[in-house]
PDB file of N, CA and C in Angstrom:
ATOM      1  N   UNK A   1      61.041 274.347  86.060  1.00  0.00           N
ATOM      2  CA  UNK A   1      59.640 274.066  86.327  1.00  0.00           C
ATOM      3  C   UNK A   1      59.449 273.970  87.842  1.00  0.00           C
ATOM      4  N   UNK A   2      58.452 274.681  88.345  1.00  0.00           N
ATOM      5  CA  UNK A   2      58.243 274.674  89.795  1.00  0.00           C
ATOM      6  C   UNK A   2      57.382 273.488  90.243  1.00  0.00           C
ATOM      7  N   UNK A   3      57.270 273.325  91.535  1.00  0.00           N
ATOM      8  CA  UNK A   3      56.545 272.199  92.117  1.00  0.00           C
ATOM      9  C   UNK A   3      55.075 272.200  91.712  1.00  0.00           C
ATOM     10  N   UNK A   4      54.475 273.374  91.659  1.00  0.00           N
ATOM     11  CA  UNK A   4      53.064 273.483  91.291  1.00  0.00           C
ATOM     12  C   UNK A   4      52.814 272.900  89.902  1.00  0.00           C
ATOM     13  N   UNK A   5      53.660 273.241  88.952  1.00  0.00           N
ATOM     14  CA  UNK A   5      53.484 272.769  87.577  1.00  0.00           C
ATOM     15  C   UNK A   5      53.693 271.259  87.483  1.00  0.00           C
ATOM     16  N   UNK A   6      54.624 270.726  88.251  1.00  0.00           N
ATOM     17  CA  UNK A   6      54.870 269.277  88.249  1.00  0.00           C
ATOM     18  C   UNK A   6      53.661 268.537  88.796  1.00  0.00           C
ATOM     19  N   UNK A   7      53.116 269.007  89.912  1.00  0.00           N
ATOM     20  CA  UNK A   7      51.939 268.366  90.519  1.00  0.00           C
ATOM     21  C   UNK A   7      50.735 268.488  89.582  1.00  0.00           C
ATOM     22  N   UNK A   8      50.581 269.645  88.948  1.00  0.00           N
ATOM     23  CA  UNK A   8      49.470 269.840  88.022  1.00  0.00           C
ATOM     24  C   UNK A   8      49.585 268.900  86.828  1.00  0.00           C
ATOM     25  N   UNK A   9      50.771 268.750  86.280  1.00  0.00           N
ATOM     26  CA  UNK A   9      50.978 267.829  85.164  1.00  0.00           C
ATOM     27  C   UNK A   9      50.714 266.393  85.596  1.00  0.00           C
ATOM     28  N   UNK A  10      51.193 266.017  86.775  1.00  0.00           N
ATOM     29  CA  UNK A  10      50.956 264.675  87.311  1.00  0.00           C
ATOM     30  C   UNK A  10      49.460 264.434  87.497  1.00  0.00           C
ATOM     31  N   UNK A  11      48.762 265.426  88.046  1.00  0.00           N
ATOM     32  CA  UNK A  11      47.315 265.324  88.243  1.00  0.00           C
ATOM     33  C   UNK A  11      46.599 265.108  86.913  1.00  0.00           C
ATOM     34  N   UNK A  12      46.915 265.901  85.912  1.00  0.00           N
ATOM     35  CA  UNK A  12      46.255 265.777  84.610  1.00  0.00           C
ATOM     36  C   UNK A  12      46.538 264.421  83.972  1.00  0.00           C
ATOM     37  N   UNK A  13      47.764 263.937  84.118  1.00  0.00           N
ATOM     38  CA  UNK A  13      48.121 262.639  83.555  1.00  0.00           C
ATOM     39  C   UNK A  13      47.359 261.509  84.236  1.00  0.00           C
ATOM     40  N   UNK A  14      47.337 261.519  85.560  1.00  0.00           N
ATOM     41  CA  UNK A  14      46.638 260.471  86.306  1.00  0.00           C
ATOM     42  C   UNK A  14      45.140 260.513  86.023  1.00  0.00           C
ATOM     43  N   UNK A  15      44.550 261.707  85.990  1.00  0.00           N
ATOM     44  CA  UNK A  15      43.113 261.814  85.715  1.00  0.00           C
ATOM     45  C   UNK A  15      42.781 261.346  84.302  1.00  0.00           C
ATOM     46  N   UNK A  16      43.643 261.635  83.351  1.00  0.00           N
ATOM     47  CA  UNK A  16      43.421 261.166  81.979  1.00  0.00           C
ATOM     48  C   UNK A  16      43.471 259.637  81.930  1.00  0.00           C
ATOM     49  N   UNK A  17      44.450 259.041  82.585  1.00  0.00           N
ATOM     50  CA  UNK A  17      44.543 257.580  82.609  1.00  0.00           C
ATOM     51  C   UNK A  17      43.346 256.944  83.306  1.00  0.00           C
ATOM     52  N   UNK A  18      42.905 257.535  84.412  1.00  0.00           N
ATOM     53  CA  UNK A  18      41.736 257.000  85.120  1.00  0.00           C
ATOM     54  C   UNK A  18      40.469 257.119  84.275  1.00  0.00           C
ATOM     55  N   UNK A  19      40.327 258.228  83.546  1.00  0.00           N
ATOM     56  CA  UNK A  19      39.158 258.380  82.691  1.00  0.00           C
ATOM     57  C   UNK A  19      39.185 257.411  81.518  1.00  0.00           C
ATOM     58  N   UNK A  20      40.357 257.153  80.953  1.00  0.00           N
ATOM     59  CA  UNK A  20      40.467 256.151  79.885  1.00  0.00           C
ATOM     60  C   UNK A  20      40.079 254.774  80.431  1.00  0.00           C
ATOM     61  N   UNK A  21      40.561 254.450  81.626  1.00  0.00           N
ATOM     62  CA  UNK A  21      40.218 253.174  82.253  1.00  0.00           C
ATOM     63  C   UNK A  21      38.722 253.084  82.533  1.00  0.00           C
ATOM     64  N   UNK A  22      38.122 254.183  82.983  1.00  0.00           N
ATOM     65  CA  UNK A  22      36.682 254.209  83.276  1.00  0.00           C
ATOM     66  C   UNK A  22      35.861 253.983  82.005  1.00  0.00           C
ATOM     67  N   UNK A  23      36.174 254.723  80.941  1.00  0.00           N
ATOM     68  CA  UNK A  23      35.400 254.569  79.705  1.00  0.00           C
ATOM     69  C   UNK A  23      35.652 253.215  79.056  1.00  0.00           C
ATOM     70  N   UNK A  24      36.855 252.684  79.217  1.00  0.00           N
ATOM     71  CA  UNK A  24      37.125 251.334  78.734  1.00  0.00           C
ATOM     72  C   UNK A  24      36.294 250.300  79.475  1.00  0.00           C
ATOM     73  N   UNK A  25      36.095 250.530  80.771  1.00  0.00           N
ATOM     74  CA  UNK A  25      35.268 249.627  81.558  1.00  0.00           C
ATOM     75  C   UNK A  25      33.812 249.677  81.082  1.00  0.00           C
ATOM     76  N   UNK A  26      33.342 250.845  80.737  1.00  0.00           N
ATOM     77  CA  UNK A  26      31.982 250.970  80.211  1.00  0.00           C
ATOM     78  C   UNK A  26      31.866 250.233  78.873  1.00  0.00           C
ATOM     79  N   UNK A  27      32.865 250.406  78.014  1.00  0.00           N
ATOM     80  CA  UNK A  27      32.851 249.706  76.726  1.00  0.00           C
ATOM     81  C   UNK A  27      32.889 248.200  76.948  1.00  0.00           C
ATOM     82  N   UNK A  28      33.719 247.740  77.872  1.00  0.00           N
ATOM     83  CA  UNK A  28      33.796 246.312  78.178  1.00  0.00           C
ATOM     84  C   UNK A  28      32.468 245.798  78.720  1.00  0.00           C
ATOM     85  N   UNK A  29      31.803 246.601  79.508  1.00  0.00           N
ATOM     86  CA  UNK A  29      30.491 246.241  80.045  1.00  0.00           C
ATOM     87  C   UNK A  29      29.480 246.049  78.902  1.00  0.00           C
ATOM     88  N   UNK A  30      29.457 246.992  77.950  1.00  0.00           N
ATOM     89  CA  UNK A  30      28.513 246.885  76.841  1.00  0.00           C
ATOM     90  C   UNK A  30      28.898 245.799  75.841  1.00  0.00           C
ATOM     91  N   UNK A  31      30.153 245.415  75.812  1.00  0.00           N
ATOM     92  CA  UNK A  31      30.570 244.322  74.934  1.00  0.00           C
ATOM     93  C   UNK A  31      29.918 243.010  75.318  1.00  0.00           C
ATOM     94  N   UNK A  32      29.529 242.883  76.577  1.00  0.00           N
ATOM     95  CA  UNK A  32      28.875 241.644  77.015  1.00  0.00           C
ATOM     96  C   UNK A  32      27.493 241.496  76.382  1.00  0.00           C
ATOM     97  N   UNK A  33      26.928 242.575  75.883  1.00  0.00           N
ATOM     98  CA  UNK A  33      25.624 242.514  75.234  1.00  0.00           C
ATOM     99  C   UNK A  33      25.715 242.078  73.774  1.00  0.00           C
ATOM    100  N   UNK A  34      26.902 242.160  73.195  1.00  0.00           N
ATOM    101  CA  UNK A  34      27.090 241.809  71.793  1.00  0.00           C
ATOM    102  C   UNK A  34      27.653 240.394  71.692  1.00  0.00           C
ATOM    103  N   UNK A  35      26.977 239.524  70.949  1.00  0.00           N
ATOM    104  CA  UNK A  35      27.460 238.141  70.847  1.00  0.00           C
ATOM    105  C   UNK A  35      28.853 238.073  70.229  1.00  0.00           C
ATOM    106  N   UNK A  36      29.749 237.411  70.893  1.00  0.00           N
ATOM    107  CA  UNK A  36      31.093 237.197  70.380  1.00  0.00           C
ATOM    108  C   UNK A  36      32.041 238.371  70.505  1.00  0.00           C
ATOM    109  N   UNK A  37      31.612 239.485  71.051  1.00  0.00           N
ATOM    110  CA  UNK A  37      32.479 240.663  71.131  1.00  0.00           C
ATOM    111  C   UNK A  37      33.633 240.445  72.105  1.00  0.00           C
ATOM    112  N   UNK A  38      33.368 239.771  73.196  1.00  0.00           N
ATOM    113  CA  UNK A  38      34.438 239.549  74.181  1.00  0.00           C
ATOM    114  C   UNK A  38      35.405 238.458  73.739  1.00  0.00           C
ATOM    115  N   UNK A  39      35.021 237.669  72.744  1.00  0.00           N
ATOM    116  CA  UNK A  39      35.918 236.645  72.225  1.00  0.00           C
ATOM    117  C   UNK A  39      36.805 237.181  71.102  1.00  0.00           C
ATOM    118  N   UNK A  40      36.576 238.406  70.676  1.00  0.00           N
ATOM    119  CA  UNK A  40      37.406 239.008  69.631  1.00  0.00           C
ATOM    120  C   UNK A  40      38.773 239.358  70.200  1.00  0.00           C
ATOM    121  N   UNK A  41      39.686 239.779  69.328  1.00  0.00           N
ATOM    122  CA  UNK A  41      41.035 240.137  69.766  1.00  0.00           C
ATOM    123  C   UNK A  41      40.998 241.307  70.748  1.00  0.00           C
ATOM    124  N   UNK A  42      40.187 242.313  70.453  1.00  0.00           N
ATOM    125  CA  UNK A  42      40.049 243.477  71.338  1.00  0.00           C
ATOM    126  C   UNK A  42      39.397 243.057  72.653  1.00  0.00           C
ATOM    127  N   UNK A  43      38.394 242.204  72.568  1.00  0.00           N
ATOM    128  CA  UNK A  43      37.712 241.726  73.768  1.00  0.00           C
ATOM    129  C   UNK A  43      38.636 240.966  74.696  1.00  0.00           C
ATOM    130  N   UNK A  44      39.501 240.114  74.134  1.00  0.00           N
ATOM    131  CA  UNK A  44      40.453 239.365  74.959  1.00  0.00           C
ATOM    132  C   UNK A  44      41.479 240.297  75.597  1.00  0.00           C
ATOM    133  N   UNK A  45      41.897 241.332  74.849  1.00  0.00           N
ATOM    134  CA  UNK A  45      42.845 242.302  75.408  1.00  0.00           C
ATOM    135  C   UNK A  45      42.196 243.065  76.564  1.00  0.00           C
ATOM    136  N   UNK A  46      40.952 243.494  76.372  1.00  0.00           N
ATOM    137  CA  UNK A  46      40.245 244.223  77.434  1.00  0.00           C
ATOM    138  C   UNK A  46      39.964 243.318  78.620  1.00  0.00           C
ATOM    139  N   UNK A  47      39.758 242.026  78.350  1.00  0.00           N
ATOM    140  CA  UNK A  47      39.509 241.074  79.428  1.00  0.00           C
ATOM    141  C   UNK A  47      40.697 240.996  80.374  1.00  0.00           C
ATOM    142  N   UNK A  48      41.915 241.065  79.833  1.00  0.00           N
ATOM    143  CA  UNK A  48      43.110 241.019  80.672  1.00  0.00           C
ATOM    144  C   UNK A  48      43.208 242.235  81.583  1.00  0.00           C
ATOM    145  N   UNK A  49      42.649 243.363  81.145  1.00  0.00           N
ATOM    146  CA  UNK A  49      42.714 244.589  81.937  1.00  0.00           C
ATOM    147  C   UNK A  49      41.582 244.639  82.961  1.00  0.00           C
ATOM    148  N   UNK A  50      40.356 244.308  82.540  1.00  0.00           N
ATOM    149  CA  UNK A  50      39.183 244.576  83.374  1.00  0.00           C
ATOM    150  C   UNK A  50      38.709 243.408  84.227  1.00  0.00           C
ATOM    151  N   UNK A  51      39.013 242.182  83.850  1.00  0.00           N
ATOM    152  CA  UNK A  51      38.565 241.057  84.673  1.00  0.00           C
ATOM    153  C   UNK A  51      39.200 241.062  86.067  1.00  0.00           C
ATOM    154  N   UNK A  52      40.495 241.394  86.215  1.00  0.00           N
ATOM    155  CA  UNK A  52      41.033 241.471  87.588  1.00  0.00           C
ATOM    156  C   UNK A  52      40.350 242.543  88.440  1.00  0.00           C
ATOM    157  N   UNK A  53      39.829 243.585  87.800  1.00  0.00           N
ATOM    158  CA  UNK A  53      39.106 244.624  88.536  1.00  0.00           C
ATOM    159  C   UNK A  53      37.711 244.133  88.908  1.00  0.00           C
ATOM    160  N   UNK A  54      37.073 243.384  88.014  1.00  0.00           N
ATOM    161  CA  UNK A  54      35.695 242.946  88.234  1.00  0.00           C
ATOM    162  C   UNK A  54      35.582 241.701  89.115  1.00  0.00           C
ATOM    163  N   UNK A  55      36.620 240.875  89.167  1.00  0.00           N
ATOM    164  CA  UNK A  55      36.545 239.629  89.939  1.00  0.00           C
ATOM    165  C   UNK A  55      36.171 239.822  91.408  1.00  0.00           C
ATOM    166  N   UNK A  56      36.771 240.773  92.138  1.00  0.00           N
ATOM    167  CA  UNK A  56      36.364 240.934  93.548  1.00  0.00           C
ATOM    168  C   UNK A  56      34.882 241.302  93.698  1.00  0.00           C
ATOM    169  N   UNK A  57      34.365 242.076  92.763  1.00  0.00           N
ATOM    170  CA  UNK A  57      32.955 242.456  92.825  1.00  0.00           C
ATOM    171  C   UNK A  57      32.071 241.249  92.538  1.00  0.00           C
ATOM    172  N   UNK A  58      32.480 240.395  91.620  1.00  0.00           N
ATOM    173  CA  UNK A  58      31.695 239.199  91.288  1.00  0.00           C
ATOM    174  C   UNK A  58      31.689 238.198  92.435  1.00  0.00           C
ATOM    175  N   UNK A  59      32.766 238.189  93.239  1.00  0.00           N
ATOM    176  CA  UNK A  59      32.791 237.289  94.398  1.00  0.00           C
ATOM    177  C   UNK A  59      31.822 237.742  95.486  1.00  0.00           C
ATOM    178  N   UNK A  60      31.624 239.069  95.593  1.00  0.00           N
ATOM    179  CA  UNK A  60      30.757 239.615  96.639  1.00  0.00           C
ATOM    180  C   UNK A  60      29.305 239.682  96.178  1.00  0.00           C
ATOM    181  N   UNK A  61      29.080 240.073  94.926  1.00  0.00           N
ATOM    182  CA  UNK A  61      27.727 240.271  94.400  1.00  0.00           C
ATOM    183  C   UNK A  61      27.408 239.149  93.422  1.00  0.00           C
ATOM    184  N   UNK A  62      26.515 238.239  93.808  1.00  0.00           N
ATOM    185  CA  UNK A  62      26.171 237.150  92.885  1.00  0.00           C
ATOM    186  C   UNK A  62      25.288 237.676  91.745  1.00  0.00           C
ATOM    187  N   UNK A  63      25.334 237.011  90.586  1.00  0.00           N
ATOM    188  CA  UNK A  63      24.476 237.439  89.480  1.00  0.00           C
ATOM    189  C   UNK A  63      23.005 237.217  89.816  1.00  0.00           C
ATOM    190  N   UNK A  64      22.171 238.137  89.361  1.00  0.00           N
ATOM    191  CA  UNK A  64      20.727 238.032  89.564  1.00  0.00           C
ATOM    192  C   UNK A  64      20.110 237.480  88.275  1.00  0.00           C
ATOM    193  N   UNK A  65      19.986 236.159  88.219  1.00  0.00           N
ATOM    194  CA  UNK A  65      19.494 235.541  86.999  1.00  0.00           C
ATOM    195  C   UNK A  65      20.519 235.724  85.893  1.00  0.00           C
ATOM    196  N   UNK A  66      20.096 236.341  84.800  1.00  0.00           N
ATOM    197  CA  UNK A  66      21.036 236.572  83.699  1.00  0.00           C
ATOM    198  C   UNK A  66      21.696 237.940  83.779  1.00  0.00           C
ATOM    199  N   UNK A  67      21.398 238.715  84.821  1.00  0.00           N
ATOM    200  CA  UNK A  67      21.964 240.053  84.975  1.00  0.00           C
ATOM    201  C   UNK A  67      23.139 240.017  85.948  1.00  0.00           C
ATOM    202  N   UNK A  68      24.251 240.579  85.513  1.00  0.00           N
ATOM    203  CA  UNK A  68      25.443 240.672  86.349  1.00  0.00           C
ATOM    204  C   UNK A  68      25.606 242.133  86.762  1.00  0.00           C
ATOM    205  N   UNK A  69      25.144 242.454  87.976  1.00  0.00           N
ATOM    206  CA  UNK A  69      25.201 243.847  88.421  1.00  0.00           C
ATOM    207  C   UNK A  69      26.535 244.197  89.069  1.00  0.00           C
ATOM    208  N   UNK A  70      27.446 243.227  89.137  1.00  0.00           N
ATOM    209  CA  UNK A  70      28.751 243.517  89.719  1.00  0.00           C
ATOM    210  C   UNK A  70      29.508 244.540  88.878  1.00  0.00           C
ATOM    211  N   UNK A  71      29.291 244.551  87.564  1.00  0.00           N
ATOM    212  CA  UNK A  71      29.940 245.542  86.699  1.00  0.00           C
ATOM    213  C   UNK A  71      29.447 246.949  87.017  1.00  0.00           C
ATOM    214  N   UNK A  72      28.171 247.067  87.298  1.00  0.00           N
ATOM    215  CA  UNK A  72      27.604 248.373  87.650  1.00  0.00           C
ATOM    216  C   UNK A  72      28.172 248.836  88.988  1.00  0.00           C
ATOM    217  N   UNK A  73      28.268 247.909  89.944  1.00  0.00           N
ATOM    218  CA  UNK A  73      28.850 248.246  91.245  1.00  0.00           C
ATOM    219  C   UNK A  73      30.310 248.664  91.089  1.00  0.00           C
ATOM    220  N   UNK A  74      31.047 247.971  90.222  1.00  0.00           N
ATOM    221  CA  UNK A  74      32.450 248.332  89.988  1.00  0.00           C
ATOM    222  C   UNK A  74      32.558 249.723  89.374  1.00  0.00           C
ATOM    223  N   UNK A  75      31.658 250.056  88.452  1.00  0.00           N
ATOM    224  CA  UNK A  75      31.673 251.392  87.843  1.00  0.00           C
ATOM    225  C   UNK A  75      31.386 252.472  88.876  1.00  0.00           C
ATOM    226  N   UNK A  76      30.446 252.210  89.773  1.00  0.00           N
ATOM    227  CA  UNK A  76      30.105 253.189  90.812  1.00  0.00           C
ATOM    228  C   UNK A  76      31.288 253.379  91.764  1.00  0.00           C
ATOM    229  N   UNK A  77      31.892 252.289  92.207  1.00  0.00           N
ATOM    230  CA  UNK A  77      33.041 252.381  93.113  1.00  0.00           C
ATOM    231  C   UNK A  77      34.209 253.078  92.416  1.00  0.00           C
ATOM    232  N   UNK A  78      34.426 252.761  91.140  1.00  0.00           N
ATOM    233  CA  UNK A  78      35.511 253.397  90.400  1.00  0.00           C
ATOM    234  C   UNK A  78      35.271 254.895  90.241  1.00  0.00           C
ATOM    235  N   UNK A  79      34.010 255.286  90.051  1.00  0.00           N
ATOM    236  CA  UNK A  79      33.680 256.714  89.944  1.00  0.00           C
ATOM    237  C   UNK A  79      33.974 257.422  91.273  1.00  0.00           C
ATOM    238  N   UNK A  80      33.643 256.790  92.396  1.00  0.00           N
ATOM    239  CA  UNK A  80      33.982 257.359  93.702  1.00  0.00           C
ATOM    240  C   UNK A  80      35.494 257.464  93.871  1.00  0.00           C
ATOM    241  N   UNK A  81      36.226 256.460  93.393  1.00  0.00           N
ATOM    242  CA  UNK A  81      37.684 256.487  93.464  1.00  0.00           C
ATOM    243  C   UNK A  81      38.243 257.670  92.666  1.00  0.00           C
ATOM    244  N   UNK A  82      37.724 257.883  91.461  1.00  0.00           N
ATOM    245  CA  UNK A  82      38.160 259.004  90.631  1.00  0.00           C
ATOM    246  C   UNK A  82      37.884 260.330  91.340  1.00  0.00           C
ATOM    247  N   UNK A  83      36.709 260.451  91.932  1.00  0.00           N
ATOM    248  CA  UNK A  83      36.376 261.684  92.648  1.00  0.00           C
ATOM    249  C   UNK A  83      37.268 261.884  93.862  1.00  0.00           C
ATOM    250  N   UNK A  84      37.630 260.799  94.536  1.00  0.00           N
ATOM    251  CA  UNK A  84      38.532 260.895  95.679  1.00  0.00           C
ATOM    252  C   UNK A  84      39.922 261.344  95.271  1.00  0.00           C
ATOM    253  N   UNK A  85      40.433 260.773  94.186  1.00  0.00           N
ATOM    254  CA  UNK A  85      41.745 261.193  93.677  1.00  0.00           C
ATOM    255  C   UNK A  85      41.696 262.658  93.268  1.00  0.00           C
ATOM    256  N   UNK A  86      40.604 263.055  92.623  1.00  0.00           N
ATOM    257  CA  UNK A  86      40.428 264.454  92.217  1.00  0.00           C
ATOM    258  C   UNK A  86      40.446 265.379  93.435  1.00  0.00           C
ATOM    259  N   UNK A  87      39.755 264.988  94.500  1.00  0.00           N
ATOM    260  CA  UNK A  87      39.707 265.818  95.711  1.00  0.00           C
ATOM    261  C   UNK A  87      41.075 265.911  96.376  1.00  0.00           C
ATOM    262  N   UNK A  88      41.802 264.804  96.408  1.00  0.00           N
ATOM    263  CA  UNK A  88      43.139 264.817  97.016  1.00  0.00           C
ATOM    264  C   UNK A  88      44.066 265.745  96.249  1.00  0.00           C
ATOM    265  N   UNK A  89      44.053 265.636  94.922  1.00  0.00           N
ATOM    266  CA  UNK A  89      44.916 266.507  94.131  1.00  0.00           C
ATOM    267  C   UNK A  89      44.484 267.967  94.235  1.00  0.00           C
ATOM    268  N   UNK A  90      43.190 268.201  94.336  1.00  0.00           N
ATOM    269  CA  UNK A  90      42.712 269.572  94.501  1.00  0.00           C
ATOM    270  C   UNK A  90      43.252 270.178  95.796  1.00  0.00           C
ATOM    271  N   UNK A  91      43.228 269.387  96.861  1.00  0.00           N
ATOM    272  CA  UNK A  91      43.771 269.868  98.142  1.00  0.00           C
ATOM    273  C   UNK A  91      45.275 270.143  98.030  1.00  0.00           C
ATOM    274  N   UNK A  92      45.985 269.257  97.369  1.00  0.00           N
ATOM    275  CA  UNK A  92      47.434 269.446  97.212  1.00  0.00           C
ATOM    276  C   UNK A  92      47.713 270.704  96.382  1.00  0.00           C
ATOM    277  N   UNK A  93      46.986 270.867  95.281  1.00  0.00           N
ATOM    278  CA  UNK A  93      47.232 271.991  94.393  1.00  0.00           C
ATOM    279  C   UNK A  93      46.876 273.313  95.070  1.00  0.00           C
ATOM    280  N   UNK A  94      45.767 273.347  95.806  1.00  0.00           N
ATOM    281  CA  UNK A  94      45.390 274.604  96.464  1.00  0.00           C
ATOM    282  C   UNK A  94      46.374 274.966  97.575  1.00  0.00           C
ATOM    283  N   UNK A  95      46.987 273.973  98.216  1.00  0.00           N
ATOM    284  CA  UNK A  95      47.977 274.264  99.250  1.00  0.00           C
ATOM    285  C   UNK A  95      49.315 274.712  98.664  1.00  0.00           C
ATOM    286  N   UNK A  96      49.574 274.341  97.421  1.00  0.00           N
ATOM    287  CA  UNK A  96      50.822 274.765  96.781  1.00  0.00           C
ATOM    288  C   UNK A  96      50.730 276.192  96.218  1.00  0.00           C
ATOM    289  N   UNK A  97      49.531 276.675  96.038  1.00  0.00           N
ATOM    290  CA  UNK A  97      49.362 278.013  95.441  1.00  0.00           C
ATOM    291  C   UNK A  97      49.652 279.098  96.431  1.00  0.00           C
TER     292      UNK A  97
END
């Protein structure tokens, strides 16, 4: 297997993991709208994954009444991060071709 194929496989794996994390964050965000969803077994498991990501945003962005927009800010920043990783891998892959 050549270097190009290894980098391409690594890129696809990392992008798949980042997309799973992104969609999980969206699901965790919507779970806050359902009473008791975050207290369920799945909710507690997701809390261990996503609360460390959301905590820095909550420290910077205070809640506006009953609305917590820090989750939206985290989703936007995470989307930029995904696009940045995509651009970096694109540059690496095009230089290997």
